[in-house]
């Protein structure tokens, strides 16, 4: 099955794992210690993140280290970024509406 970045970030546990290893490489066991779900469940999430190219697994001795591959998050960032202007325009429009309403209420109050 072909996986992509959107599948990787679709699950909140996987987003938490990404956040956890964003600044430092951790072993699979270290990652699992941060969650209240089973280690096999964490391993499955890590496997999906690895298949999506978001993390790389490096073996050092018996330990398996999870390392972030941030460049592979870029497609999701770019997809979301294209909507930033749309949302900023809508928020600006809403703020203007609220300002007009407030001004109107102050004059009528």
N, C-alpha and C. Protein backbone atom coordinates (compact mmCIF):
# COMPACT_ATOMS: atom_id res chain seq x y z
N UNK A 1 0.85 -1.19 0.00
CA UNK A 1 0.00 0.00 0.00
C UNK A 1 0.89 1.25 0.00
N UNK A 2 0.57 2.19 -0.87
CA UNK A 2 1.31 3.45 -0.94
C UNK A 2 0.76 4.40 0.11
N UNK A 3 1.63 4.88 0.97
CA UNK A 3 1.21 5.82 2.01
C UNK A 3 1.77 7.19 1.70
N UNK A 4 1.10 8.24 2.23
CA UNK A 4 1.62 9.58 2.00
C UNK A 4 1.59 10.39 3.30
N UNK A 5 2.10 11.60 3.23
CA UNK A 5 2.23 12.45 4.40
C UNK A 5 0.88 12.74 5.05
N UNK A 6 -0.17 12.83 4.26
CA UNK A 6 -1.49 13.13 4.82
C UNK A 6 -2.00 11.99 5.68
N UNK A 7 -1.70 10.78 5.28
CA UNK A 7 -2.05 9.62 6.10
C UNK A 7 -1.23 9.65 7.39
N UNK A 8 0.01 10.07 7.28
CA UNK A 8 0.89 10.14 8.46
C UNK A 8 0.35 11.10 9.50
N UNK A 9 -0.11 12.25 9.07
CA UNK A 9 -0.54 13.28 10.03
C UNK A 9 -2.02 13.20 10.38
N UNK A 10 -2.73 12.24 9.78
CA UNK A 10 -4.17 12.12 10.03
C UNK A 10 -4.49 11.68 11.46
N UNK A 11 -3.60 10.94 12.07
CA UNK A 11 -3.85 10.39 13.40
C UNK A 11 -3.17 11.25 14.48
N UNK A 12 -3.90 11.62 15.55
CA UNK A 12 -3.32 12.47 16.59
C UNK A 12 -2.12 11.83 17.30
N UNK A 13 -2.11 10.51 17.43
CA UNK A 13 -0.96 9.85 18.06
C UNK A 13 0.28 10.02 17.19
N UNK A 14 0.10 9.87 15.87
CA UNK A 14 1.24 10.04 14.97
C UNK A 14 1.73 11.49 14.98
N UNK A 15 0.80 12.44 15.07
CA UNK A 15 1.23 13.85 15.17
C UNK A 15 2.03 14.07 16.45
N UNK A 16 1.59 13.44 17.54
CA UNK A 16 2.33 13.55 18.81
C UNK A 16 3.71 12.91 18.70
N UNK A 17 3.81 11.80 18.00
CA UNK A 17 5.11 11.15 17.81
C UNK A 17 6.03 12.06 17.00
N UNK A 18 5.50 12.66 15.94
CA UNK A 18 6.29 13.59 15.12
C UNK A 18 6.81 14.73 15.99
N UNK A 19 5.92 15.29 16.81
CA UNK A 19 6.32 16.40 17.69
C UNK A 19 7.39 15.94 18.68
N UNK A 20 7.24 14.74 19.18
CA UNK A 20 8.17 14.19 20.17
C UNK A 20 9.58 14.03 19.61
N UNK A 21 9.67 13.54 18.39
CA UNK A 21 11.01 13.29 17.82
C UNK A 21 11.50 14.42 16.92
N UNK A 22 10.75 15.51 16.87
CA UNK A 22 11.14 16.63 16.01
C UNK A 22 12.49 17.22 16.40
N UNK A 23 12.80 17.22 17.69
CA UNK A 23 14.04 17.85 18.15
C UNK A 23 15.14 16.88 18.53
N UNK A 24 14.79 15.61 18.71
CA UNK A 24 15.81 14.63 19.06
C UNK A 24 15.39 13.23 18.64
N UNK A 25 16.38 12.44 18.28
CA UNK A 25 16.11 11.04 17.93
C UNK A 25 15.83 10.28 19.21
N UNK A 26 14.82 9.44 19.17
CA UNK A 26 14.48 8.61 20.33
C UNK A 26 14.35 7.17 19.88
N UNK A 27 14.60 6.26 20.82
CA UNK A 27 14.37 4.85 20.51
C UNK A 27 12.86 4.60 20.50
N UNK A 28 12.48 3.52 19.89
CA UNK A 28 11.06 3.14 19.86
C UNK A 28 10.54 3.03 21.30
N UNK A 29 11.35 2.44 22.19
CA UNK A 29 10.94 2.30 23.59
C UNK A 29 10.77 3.67 24.26
N UNK A 30 11.68 4.61 23.98
CA UNK A 30 11.56 5.96 24.54
C UNK A 30 10.27 6.63 24.07
N UNK A 31 9.95 6.45 22.81
CA UNK A 31 8.71 7.02 22.26
C UNK A 31 7.52 6.39 22.98
N UNK A 32 7.52 5.08 23.11
CA UNK A 32 6.40 4.36 23.72
C UNK A 32 6.15 4.80 25.16
N UNK A 33 7.21 5.16 25.87
CA UNK A 33 7.07 5.58 27.27
C UNK A 33 6.24 6.86 27.43
N UNK A 34 6.10 7.63 26.38
CA UNK A 34 5.34 8.89 26.43
C UNK A 34 3.85 8.70 26.20
N UNK A 35 3.43 7.48 25.95
CA UNK A 35 2.03 7.22 25.61
C UNK A 35 1.42 6.18 26.53
N UNK A 36 0.12 6.24 26.68
CA UNK A 36 -0.58 5.27 27.52
C UNK A 36 -1.22 4.16 26.69
N UNK A 37 -0.77 4.02 25.47
CA UNK A 37 -1.26 2.91 24.64
C UNK A 37 -0.15 1.87 24.56
N UNK A 38 -0.46 0.68 24.10
CA UNK A 38 0.50 -0.42 24.11
C UNK A 38 1.69 -0.15 23.20
N UNK A 39 2.78 -0.80 23.54
CA UNK A 39 3.98 -0.67 22.71
C UNK A 39 3.74 -1.17 21.29
N UNK A 40 3.02 -2.31 21.11
CA UNK A 40 2.73 -2.74 19.74
C UNK A 40 1.93 -1.68 18.95
N UNK A 41 1.03 -0.97 19.63
CA UNK A 41 0.26 0.09 18.95
C UNK A 41 1.20 1.22 18.53
N UNK A 42 2.13 1.59 19.41
CA UNK A 42 3.11 2.63 19.07
C UNK A 42 3.99 2.16 17.92
N UNK A 43 4.40 0.91 17.96
CA UNK A 43 5.23 0.36 16.87
C UNK A 43 4.50 0.43 15.54
N UNK A 44 3.20 0.19 15.57
CA UNK A 44 2.40 0.27 14.33
C UNK A 44 2.37 1.71 13.80
N UNK A 45 2.19 2.67 14.71
CA UNK A 45 2.20 4.09 14.30
C UNK A 45 3.57 4.47 13.73
N UNK A 46 4.63 4.01 14.38
CA UNK A 46 5.98 4.30 13.90
C UNK A 46 6.21 3.68 12.53
N UNK A 47 5.69 2.47 12.34
CA UNK A 47 5.82 1.80 11.04
C UNK A 47 5.13 2.61 9.94
N UNK A 48 3.95 3.13 10.24
CA UNK A 48 3.22 3.95 9.26
C UNK A 48 4.00 5.24 8.96
N UNK A 49 4.52 5.88 10.00
CA UNK A 49 5.31 7.10 9.80
C UNK A 49 6.55 6.81 8.96
N UNK A 50 7.14 5.65 9.18
CA UNK A 50 8.31 5.23 8.41
C UNK A 50 7.94 4.98 6.95
N UNK A 51 6.82 4.30 6.73
CA UNK A 51 6.36 4.02 5.36
C UNK A 51 5.99 5.30 4.62
N UNK A 52 5.56 6.31 5.36
CA UNK A 52 5.22 7.60 4.76
C UNK A 52 6.45 8.47 4.53
N UNK A 53 7.59 8.02 5.05
CA UNK A 53 8.83 8.78 4.88
C UNK A 53 9.01 9.92 5.88
N UNK A 54 8.17 9.98 6.89
CA UNK A 54 8.24 11.07 7.88
C UNK A 54 9.34 10.79 8.91
N UNK A 55 9.52 9.52 9.23
CA UNK A 55 10.63 9.17 10.12
C UNK A 55 11.47 8.08 9.47
N UNK A 56 12.71 8.06 9.88
CA UNK A 56 13.64 7.03 9.44
C UNK A 56 14.03 6.24 10.68
N UNK A 57 14.16 4.94 10.55
CA UNK A 57 14.56 4.08 11.66
C UNK A 57 16.03 3.70 11.43
N UNK A 58 16.86 4.04 12.41
CA UNK A 58 18.27 3.68 12.35
C UNK A 58 18.58 2.74 13.51
N UNK A 59 19.20 1.62 13.17
CA UNK A 59 19.57 0.66 14.22
C UNK A 59 20.98 0.97 14.71
N UNK A 60 21.09 1.06 16.03
CA UNK A 60 22.40 1.21 16.67
C UNK A 60 22.46 0.12 17.73
N UNK A 61 23.21 -0.92 17.43
CA UNK A 61 23.21 -2.08 18.32
C UNK A 61 21.84 -2.72 18.27
N UNK A 62 21.24 -2.91 19.45
CA UNK A 62 19.90 -3.51 19.51
C UNK A 62 18.80 -2.46 19.47
N UNK A 63 19.19 -1.21 19.66
CA UNK A 63 18.19 -0.13 19.71
C UNK A 63 17.82 0.34 18.31
N UNK A 64 16.55 0.70 18.16
CA UNK A 64 16.04 1.27 16.90
C UNK A 64 15.68 2.72 17.18
N UNK A 65 16.38 3.65 16.55
CA UNK A 65 16.16 5.08 16.76
C UNK A 65 15.27 5.66 15.69
N UNK A 66 14.32 6.48 16.12
CA UNK A 66 13.41 7.18 15.21
C UNK A 66 13.97 8.58 14.97
N UNK A 67 14.21 8.89 13.70
CA UNK A 67 14.72 10.22 13.34
C UNK A 67 13.75 10.89 12.38
N UNK A 68 13.45 12.15 12.66
CA UNK A 68 12.50 12.89 11.83
C UNK A 68 13.10 13.19 10.46
N UNK A 69 12.28 13.15 9.45
CA UNK A 69 12.66 13.52 8.08
C UNK A 69 11.76 14.70 7.68
N UNK A 70 12.06 15.90 8.23
CA UNK A 70 11.12 17.03 8.10
C UNK A 70 10.82 17.43 6.66
N UNK A 71 11.76 17.22 5.75
CA UNK A 71 11.51 17.60 4.35
C UNK A 71 10.31 16.86 3.78
N UNK A 72 9.98 15.70 4.33
CA UNK A 72 8.86 14.93 3.82
C UNK A 72 7.51 15.40 4.36
N UNK A 73 7.55 16.37 5.28
CA UNK A 73 6.31 17.02 5.74
C UNK A 73 5.94 18.19 4.82
N UNK A 74 6.86 18.57 3.94
CA UNK A 74 6.67 19.72 3.07
C UNK A 74 5.39 19.67 2.22
N UNK A 75 5.04 18.54 1.62
CA UNK A 75 3.80 18.52 0.82
C UNK A 75 2.57 18.93 1.64
N UNK A 76 2.49 18.48 2.88
CA UNK A 76 1.34 18.85 3.73
C UNK A 76 1.38 20.33 4.05
N UNK A 77 2.57 20.84 4.38
CA UNK A 77 2.72 22.25 4.68
C UNK A 77 2.30 23.11 3.48
N UNK A 78 2.77 22.75 2.31
CA UNK A 78 2.45 23.53 1.10
C UNK A 78 0.97 23.48 0.78
N UNK A 79 0.35 22.33 1.00
CA UNK A 79 -1.08 22.20 0.74
C UNK A 79 -1.87 23.09 1.68
N UNK A 80 -1.50 23.09 2.96
CA UNK A 80 -2.19 23.93 3.96
C UNK A 80 -1.90 25.41 3.70
N UNK A 81 -0.67 25.72 3.34
CA UNK A 81 -0.24 27.10 3.12
C UNK A 81 -1.07 27.79 2.04
N UNK A 82 -1.51 27.03 1.03
CA UNK A 82 -2.28 27.64 -0.05
C UNK A 82 -3.62 28.22 0.43
N UNK A 83 -4.09 27.74 1.58
CA UNK A 83 -5.35 28.22 2.13
C UNK A 83 -5.17 29.32 3.16
N UNK A 84 -3.92 29.64 3.50
CA UNK A 84 -3.63 30.64 4.53
C UNK A 84 -4.24 32.00 4.16
N UNK A 85 -4.01 32.44 2.93
CA UNK A 85 -4.52 33.75 2.49
C UNK A 85 -6.04 33.78 2.56
N UNK A 86 -6.68 32.70 2.13
CA UNK A 86 -8.14 32.60 2.17
C UNK A 86 -8.63 32.82 3.60
N UNK A 87 -8.03 32.11 4.57
CA UNK A 87 -8.47 32.23 5.95
C UNK A 87 -8.13 33.58 6.53
N UNK A 88 -6.96 34.12 6.19
CA UNK A 88 -6.61 35.46 6.68
C UNK A 88 -7.61 36.49 6.18
N UNK A 89 -8.01 36.39 4.90
CA UNK A 89 -8.99 37.32 4.34
C UNK A 89 -10.33 37.19 5.06
N UNK A 90 -10.75 35.96 5.34
CA UNK A 90 -12.03 35.75 6.03
C UNK A 90 -11.97 36.30 7.46
N UNK A 91 -10.85 36.09 8.14
CA UNK A 91 -10.70 36.59 9.51
C UNK A 91 -10.67 38.12 9.50
N UNK A 92 -9.96 38.72 8.55
CA UNK A 92 -9.93 40.19 8.44
C UNK A 92 -11.34 40.73 8.20
N UNK A 93 -12.07 40.07 7.32
CA UNK A 93 -13.43 40.49 7.01
C UNK A 93 -14.32 40.40 8.26
N UNK A 94 -14.17 39.33 9.02
CA UNK A 94 -14.95 39.14 10.25
C UNK A 94 -14.58 40.21 11.29
N UNK A 95 -13.28 40.51 11.41
CA UNK A 95 -12.83 41.55 12.35
C UNK A 95 -13.42 42.91 11.97
N UNK A 96 -13.44 43.21 10.67
CA UNK A 96 -14.03 44.47 10.20
C UNK A 96 -15.52 44.53 10.54
N UNK A 97 -16.21 43.42 10.35
CA UNK A 97 -17.63 43.33 10.67
C UNK A 97 -17.86 43.59 12.16
N UNK A 98 -17.04 42.96 13.01
CA UNK A 98 -17.17 43.16 14.46
C UNK A 98 -16.89 44.60 14.86
N UNK A 99 -15.90 45.21 14.23
CA UNK A 99 -15.57 46.61 14.52
C UNK A 99 -16.74 47.52 14.16
N UNK A 100 -17.35 47.28 13.01
CA UNK A 100 -18.52 48.07 12.58
C UNK A 100 -19.68 47.88 13.55
N UNK A 101 -19.91 46.62 13.96
CA UNK A 101 -20.98 46.34 14.91
C UNK A 101 -20.74 47.06 16.25
N UNK A 102 -19.52 46.99 16.72
CA UNK A 102 -19.16 47.61 17.99
C UNK A 102 -19.34 49.13 17.90
N UNK A 103 -18.89 49.69 16.78
CA UNK A 103 -19.02 51.12 16.57
C UNK A 103 -20.49 51.54 16.52
N UNK A 104 -21.28 50.75 15.85
CA UNK A 104 -22.72 51.00 15.72
C UNK A 104 -23.39 50.96 17.12
N UNK A 105 -23.03 49.95 17.92
CA UNK A 105 -23.59 49.81 19.27
C UNK A 105 -23.18 50.97 20.18
N UNK A 106 -21.94 51.44 20.01
CA UNK A 106 -21.47 52.56 20.85
C UNK A 106 -22.24 53.85 20.51
N UNK A 107 -22.56 54.02 19.23
CA UNK A 107 -23.29 55.23 18.81
C UNK A 107 -24.75 55.16 19.22
N UNK A 108 -25.31 53.96 19.27
CA UNK A 108 -26.72 53.77 19.61
C UNK A 108 -26.92 53.58 21.11
N UNK A 109 -25.83 53.33 21.86
CA UNK A 109 -25.94 52.99 23.26
C UNK A 109 -26.01 54.21 24.11
